[in-house]
Amino acid sequence: MDFGSHGIWFYNGATWKKIAGWNPENMESWKGRLAVDFNGYGLWIFSGTKWKKITSANPESLED
């Protein structure tokens, strides 16, 4: 869940967990992972346990 300036949070049905502190511009599900455009921080993929930076560039869109 994107809470704007409060970051990205995940709810497992019982509790909330903050998974990122940055405010995303766009998010998309991609191959069972979460692709996130963090504006000037670049494009990142979240596997469910860790983040991986894909590029420092700011993508225009995450749509096909």
PDB file of N, CA and C in Angstrom:
ATOM      1  N   MET A   1       0.845  -1.151   0.000  1.00  0.00           N
ATOM      2  CA  MET A   1       0.000   0.000   0.000  1.00  0.00           C
ATOM      3  C   MET A   1       0.900   1.226   0.000  1.00  0.00           C
ATOM      4  N   ASP A   2       0.644   2.149  -0.885  1.00  0.00           N
ATOM      5  CA  ASP A   2       1.402   3.395  -0.972  1.00  0.00           C
ATOM      6  C   ASP A   2       0.747   4.432  -0.069  1.00  0.00           C
ATOM      7  N   PHE A   3       1.482   4.859   0.957  1.00  0.00           N
ATOM      8  CA  PHE A   3       0.981   5.883   1.870  1.00  0.00           C
ATOM      9  C   PHE A   3       1.684   7.216   1.641  1.00  0.00           C
ATOM     10  N   GLY A   4       2.000   7.508   0.376  1.00  0.00           N
ATOM     11  CA  GLY A   4       2.603   8.786   0.026  1.00  0.00           C
ATOM     12  C   GLY A   4       3.925   9.014   0.731  1.00  0.00           C
ATOM     13  N   SER A   5       4.057  10.143   1.405  1.00  0.00           N
ATOM     14  CA  SER A   5       5.317  10.488   2.070  1.00  0.00           C
ATOM     15  C   SER A   5       5.637   9.572   3.248  1.00  0.00           C
ATOM     16  N   HIS A   6       4.706   8.699   3.624  1.00  0.00           N
ATOM     17  CA  HIS A   6       4.949   7.735   4.709  1.00  0.00           C
ATOM     18  C   HIS A   6       5.504   6.414   4.177  1.00  0.00           C
ATOM     19  N   GLY A   7       5.709   6.309   2.858  1.00  0.00           N
ATOM     20  CA  GLY A   7       6.337   5.132   2.265  1.00  0.00           C
ATOM     21  C   GLY A   7       5.372   4.043   1.835  1.00  0.00           C
ATOM     22  N   ILE A   8       5.947   2.866   1.573  1.00  0.00           N
ATOM     23  CA  ILE A   8       5.180   1.700   1.124  1.00  0.00           C
ATOM     24  C   ILE A   8       5.080   0.714   2.283  1.00  0.00           C
ATOM     25  N   TRP A   9       3.863   0.230   2.501  1.00  0.00           N
ATOM     26  CA  TRP A   9       3.608  -0.705   3.596  1.00  0.00           C
ATOM     27  C   TRP A   9       2.965  -1.971   3.056  1.00  0.00           C
ATOM     28  N   PHE A  10       3.217  -3.098   3.742  1.00  0.00           N
ATOM     29  CA  PHE A  10       2.632  -4.391   3.390  1.00  0.00           C
ATOM     30  C   PHE A  10       1.786  -4.869   4.560  1.00  0.00           C
ATOM     31  N   TYR A  11       0.579  -5.348   4.252  1.00  0.00           N
ATOM     32  CA  TYR A  11      -0.321  -5.876   5.279  1.00  0.00           C
ATOM     33  C   TYR A  11      -0.482  -7.371   5.060  1.00  0.00           C
ATOM     34  N   ASN A  12      -0.153  -8.188   6.054  1.00  0.00           N
ATOM     35  CA  ASN A  12      -0.213  -9.644   5.913  1.00  0.00           C
ATOM     36  C   ASN A  12      -1.520 -10.250   6.421  1.00  0.00           C
ATOM     37  N   GLY A  13      -2.481  -9.409   6.722  1.00  0.00           N
ATOM     38  CA  GLY A  13      -3.762  -9.881   7.237  1.00  0.00           C
ATOM     39  C   GLY A  13      -3.907  -9.669   8.731  1.00  0.00           C
ATOM     40  N   ALA A  14      -2.777  -9.391   9.391  1.00  0.00           N
ATOM     41  CA  ALA A  14      -2.797  -9.164  10.836  1.00  0.00           C
ATOM     42  C   ALA A  14      -2.027  -7.908  11.234  1.00  0.00           C
ATOM     43  N   THR A  15      -0.884  -7.676  10.586  1.00  0.00           N
ATOM     44  CA  THR A  15      -0.050  -6.527  10.941  1.00  0.00           C
ATOM     45  C   THR A  15       0.476  -5.827   9.696  1.00  0.00           C
ATOM     46  N   TRP A  16       0.837  -4.557   9.873  1.00  0.00           N
ATOM     47  CA  TRP A  16       1.440  -3.760   8.813  1.00  0.00           C
ATOM     48  C   TRP A  16       2.952  -3.755   8.984  1.00  0.00           C
ATOM     49  N   LYS A  17       3.689  -3.783   7.859  1.00  0.00           N
ATOM     50  CA  LYS A  17       5.148  -3.701   7.883  1.00  0.00           C
ATOM     51  C   LYS A  17       5.590  -2.691   6.827  1.00  0.00           C
ATOM     52  N   LYS A  18       6.418  -1.734   7.237  1.00  0.00           N
ATOM     53  CA  LYS A  18       6.947  -0.750   6.299  1.00  0.00           C
ATOM     54  C   LYS A  18       8.066  -1.400   5.493  1.00  0.00           C
ATOM     55  N   ILE A  19       7.953  -1.375   4.153  1.00  0.00           N
ATOM     56  CA  ILE A  19       8.981  -1.993   3.317  1.00  0.00           C
ATOM     57  C   ILE A  19       9.820  -0.962   2.564  1.00  0.00           C
ATOM     58  N   ALA A  20       9.391   0.307   2.554  1.00  0.00           N
ATOM     59  CA  ALA A  20      10.178   1.376   1.927  1.00  0.00           C
ATOM     60  C   ALA A  20       9.758   2.714   2.506  1.00  0.00           C
ATOM     61  N   GLY A  21      10.729   3.583   2.700  1.00  0.00           N
ATOM     62  CA  GLY A  21      10.442   4.907   3.233  1.00  0.00           C
ATOM     63  C   GLY A  21      10.235   5.969   2.174  1.00  0.00           C
ATOM     64  N   TRP A  22      10.653   5.672   0.937  1.00  0.00           N
ATOM     65  CA  TRP A  22      10.503   6.640  -0.144  1.00  0.00           C
ATOM     66  C   TRP A  22       9.082   6.636  -0.685  1.00  0.00           C
ATOM     67  N   ASN A  23       8.684   7.763  -1.270  1.00  0.00           N
ATOM     68  CA  ASN A  23       7.359   7.921  -1.860  1.00  0.00           C
ATOM     69  C   ASN A  23       7.417   7.529  -3.339  1.00  0.00           C
ATOM     70  N   PRO A  24       6.782   6.430  -3.746  1.00  0.00           N
ATOM     71  CA  PRO A  24       6.859   5.995  -5.141  1.00  0.00           C
ATOM     72  C   PRO A  24       6.001   6.843  -6.076  1.00  0.00           C
ATOM     73  N   GLU A  25       6.485   6.976  -7.319  1.00  0.00           N
ATOM     74  CA  GLU A  25       5.703   7.643  -8.358  1.00  0.00           C
ATOM     75  C   GLU A  25       4.761   6.638  -9.016  1.00  0.00           C
ATOM     76  N   ASN A  26       5.256   5.412  -9.239  1.00  0.00           N
ATOM     77  CA  ASN A  26       4.473   4.329  -9.845  1.00  0.00           C
ATOM     78  C   ASN A  26       4.878   2.999  -9.233  1.00  0.00           C
ATOM     79  N   MET A  27       3.935   2.050  -9.210  1.00  0.00           N
ATOM     80  CA  MET A  27       4.211   0.683  -8.775  1.00  0.00           C
ATOM     81  C   MET A  27       3.435  -0.270  -9.670  1.00  0.00           C
ATOM     82  N   GLU A  28       4.049  -1.405  -9.993  1.00  0.00           N
ATOM     83  CA  GLU A  28       3.395  -2.437 -10.801  1.00  0.00           C
ATOM     84  C   GLU A  28       3.852  -3.808 -10.325  1.00  0.00           C
ATOM     85  N   SER A  29       2.959  -4.767 -10.382  1.00  0.00           N
ATOM     86  CA  SER A  29       3.332  -6.156 -10.149  1.00  0.00           C
ATOM     87  C   SER A  29       4.047  -6.655 -11.398  1.00  0.00           C
ATOM     88  N   TRP A  30       5.187  -7.341 -11.215  1.00  0.00           N
ATOM     89  CA  TRP A  30       5.968  -7.814 -12.349  1.00  0.00           C
ATOM     90  C   TRP A  30       6.630  -9.136 -11.993  1.00  0.00           C
ATOM     91  N   LYS A  31       6.219 -10.212 -12.660  1.00  0.00           N
ATOM     92  CA  LYS A  31       6.792 -11.548 -12.459  1.00  0.00           C
ATOM     93  C   LYS A  31       6.804 -11.956 -10.986  1.00  0.00           C
ATOM     94  N   GLY A  32       5.709 -11.688 -10.291  1.00  0.00           N
ATOM     95  CA  GLY A  32       5.599 -12.063  -8.882  1.00  0.00           C
ATOM     96  C   GLY A  32       6.354 -11.150  -7.938  1.00  0.00           C
ATOM     97  N   ARG A  33       6.845 -10.055  -8.472  1.00  0.00           N
ATOM     98  CA  ARG A  33       7.588  -9.083  -7.670  1.00  0.00           C
ATOM     99  C   ARG A  33       6.932  -7.719  -7.807  1.00  0.00           C
ATOM    100  N   LEU A  34       7.449  -6.759  -7.072  1.00  0.00           N
ATOM    101  CA  LEU A  34       6.921  -5.401  -7.120  1.00  0.00           C
ATOM    102  C   LEU A  34       7.957  -4.494  -7.764  1.00  0.00           C
ATOM    103  N   ALA A  35       7.609  -3.902  -8.907  1.00  0.00           N
ATOM    104  CA  ALA A  35       8.471  -2.929  -9.577  1.00  0.00           C
ATOM    105  C   ALA A  35       8.026  -1.543  -9.133  1.00  0.00           C
ATOM    106  N   VAL A  36       8.991  -0.732  -8.676  1.00  0.00           N
ATOM    107  CA  VAL A  36       8.650   0.576  -8.120  1.00  0.00           C
ATOM    108  C   VAL A  36       9.541   1.661  -8.717  1.00  0.00           C
ATOM    109  N   ASP A  37       8.907   2.721  -9.200  1.00  0.00           N
ATOM    110  CA  ASP A  37       9.595   3.915  -9.689  1.00  0.00           C
ATOM    111  C   ASP A  37       9.660   4.905  -8.530  1.00  0.00           C
ATOM    112  N   PHE A  38      10.878   5.113  -8.008  1.00  0.00           N
ATOM    113  CA  PHE A  38      11.069   6.046  -6.900  1.00  0.00           C
ATOM    114  C   PHE A  38      11.588   7.396  -7.395  1.00  0.00           C
ATOM    115  N   ASN A  39      11.048   7.882  -8.507  1.00  0.00           N
ATOM    116  CA  ASN A  39      11.425   9.179  -9.063  1.00  0.00           C
ATOM    117  C   ASN A  39      12.933   9.270  -9.247  1.00  0.00           C
ATOM    118  N   GLY A  40      13.579  10.238  -8.624  1.00  0.00           N
ATOM    119  CA  GLY A  40      15.016  10.467  -8.750  1.00  0.00           C
ATOM    120  C   GLY A  40      15.888   9.377  -8.160  1.00  0.00           C
ATOM    121  N   TYR A  41      15.313   8.448  -7.407  1.00  0.00           N
ATOM    122  CA  TYR A  41      16.086   7.337  -6.835  1.00  0.00           C
ATOM    123  C   TYR A  41      16.154   6.141  -7.785  1.00  0.00           C
ATOM    124  N   GLY A  42      15.430   6.199  -8.903  1.00  0.00           N
ATOM    125  CA  GLY A  42      15.494   5.148  -9.910  1.00  0.00           C
ATOM    126  C   GLY A  42      14.403   4.096  -9.810  1.00  0.00           C
ATOM    127  N   LEU A  43      14.607   3.025 -10.573  1.00  0.00           N
ATOM    128  CA  LEU A  43      13.665   1.908 -10.650  1.00  0.00           C
ATOM    129  C   LEU A  43      14.188   0.755  -9.807  1.00  0.00           C
ATOM    130  N   TRP A  44      13.334   0.237  -8.933  1.00  0.00           N
ATOM    131  CA  TRP A  44      13.707  -0.828  -8.004  1.00  0.00           C
ATOM    132  C   TRP A  44      12.721  -1.987  -8.102  1.00  0.00           C
ATOM    133  N   ILE A  45      13.189  -3.204  -7.774  1.00  0.00           N
ATOM    134  CA  ILE A  45      12.352  -4.401  -7.722  1.00  0.00           C
ATOM    135  C   ILE A  45      12.399  -4.935  -6.294  1.00  0.00           C
ATOM    136  N   PHE A  46      11.213  -5.233  -5.736  1.00  0.00           N
ATOM    137  CA  PHE A  46      11.133  -5.815  -4.395  1.00  0.00           C
ATOM    138  C   PHE A  46      10.704  -7.264  -4.530  1.00  0.00           C
ATOM    139  N   SER A  47      11.503  -8.185  -3.989  1.00  0.00           N
ATOM    140  CA  SER A  47      11.252  -9.625  -4.124  1.00  0.00           C
ATOM    141  C   SER A  47      10.325 -10.176  -3.049  1.00  0.00           C
ATOM    142  N   GLY A  48      10.041  -9.373  -2.058  1.00  0.00           N
ATOM    143  CA  GLY A  48       9.269  -9.838  -0.908  1.00  0.00           C
ATOM    144  C   GLY A  48      10.121  -9.850   0.347  1.00  0.00           C
ATOM    145  N   THR A  49      11.449  -9.867   0.138  1.00  0.00           N
ATOM    146  CA  THR A  49      12.377  -9.823   1.269  1.00  0.00           C
ATOM    147  C   THR A  49      13.475  -8.782   1.098  1.00  0.00           C
ATOM    148  N   LYS A  50      13.834  -8.462  -0.156  1.00  0.00           N
ATOM    149  CA  LYS A  50      14.888  -7.469  -0.360  1.00  0.00           C
ATOM    150  C   LYS A  50      14.651  -6.663  -1.634  1.00  0.00           C
ATOM    151  N   TRP A  51      15.300  -5.487  -1.680  1.00  0.00           N
ATOM    152  CA  TRP A  51      15.213  -4.580  -2.815  1.00  0.00           C
ATOM    153  C   TRP A  51      16.432  -4.740  -3.711  1.00  0.00           C
ATOM    154  N   LYS A  52      16.239  -4.566  -5.022  1.00  0.00           N
ATOM    155  CA  LYS A  52      17.337  -4.553  -5.983  1.00  0.00           C
ATOM    156  C   LYS A  52      17.139  -3.365  -6.914  1.00  0.00           C
ATOM    157  N   LYS A  53      18.160  -2.511  -7.008  1.00  0.00           N
ATOM    158  CA  LYS A  53      18.093  -1.358  -7.901  1.00  0.00           C
ATOM    159  C   LYS A  53      18.349  -1.817  -9.328  1.00  0.00           C
ATOM    160  N   ILE A  54      17.430  -1.487 -10.237  1.00  0.00           N
ATOM    161  CA  ILE A  54      17.539  -1.874 -11.640  1.00  0.00           C
ATOM    162  C   ILE A  54      18.270  -0.802 -12.440  1.00  0.00           C
ATOM    163  N   THR A  55      17.922   0.459 -12.198  1.00  0.00           N
ATOM    164  CA  THR A  55      18.558   1.579 -12.894  1.00  0.00           C
ATOM    165  C   THR A  55      18.408   2.847 -12.062  1.00  0.00           C
ATOM    166  N   SER A  56      19.335   3.772 -12.258  1.00  0.00           N
ATOM    167  CA  SER A  56      19.252   5.076 -11.595  1.00  0.00           C
ATOM    168  C   SER A  56      18.334   6.025 -12.353  1.00  0.00           C
ATOM    169  N   ALA A  57      18.034   5.671 -13.608  1.00  0.00           N
ATOM    170  CA  ALA A  57      17.176   6.518 -14.440  1.00  0.00           C
ATOM    171  C   ALA A  57      15.756   6.559 -13.886  1.00  0.00           C
ATOM    172  N   ASN A  58      15.071   7.659 -14.147  1.00  0.00           N
ATOM    173  CA  ASN A  58      13.679   7.824 -13.738  1.00  0.00           C
ATOM    174  C   ASN A  58      12.787   7.440 -14.916  1.00  0.00           C
ATOM    175  N   PRO A  59      12.142   6.258 -14.888  1.00  0.00           N
ATOM    176  CA  PRO A  59      11.322   5.830 -16.025  1.00  0.00           C
ATOM    177  C   PRO A  59      10.098   6.722 -16.222  1.00  0.00           C
ATOM    178  N   GLU A  60       9.693   6.865 -17.473  1.00  0.00           N
ATOM    179  CA  GLU A  60       8.500   7.642 -17.795  1.00  0.00           C
ATOM    180  C   GLU A  60       7.236   6.922 -17.359  1.00  0.00           C
ATOM    181  N   SER A  61       7.234   5.586 -17.473  1.00  0.00           N
ATOM    182  CA  SER A  61       6.047   4.800 -17.178  1.00  0.00           C
ATOM    183  C   SER A  61       6.454   3.364 -16.869  1.00  0.00           C
ATOM    184  N   LEU A  62       5.615   2.649 -16.123  1.00  0.00           N
ATOM    185  CA  LEU A  62       5.846   1.234 -15.858  1.00  0.00           C
ATOM    186  C   LEU A  62       4.877   0.360 -16.637  1.00  0.00           C
ATOM    187  N   GLU A  63       4.063   0.957 -17.488  1.00  0.00           N
ATOM    188  CA  GLU A  63       3.079   0.216 -18.272  1.00  0.00           C
ATOM    189  C   GLU A  63       3.731  -0.416 -19.488  1.00  0.00           C
ATOM    190  N   ASP A  64       3.113  -1.499 -19.982  1.00  0.00           N
ATOM    191  CA  ASP A  64       3.588  -2.158 -21.210  1.00  0.00           C
ATOM    192  C   ASP A  64       3.351  -1.276 -22.406  1.00  0.00           C
TER     193      ASP A  64
END
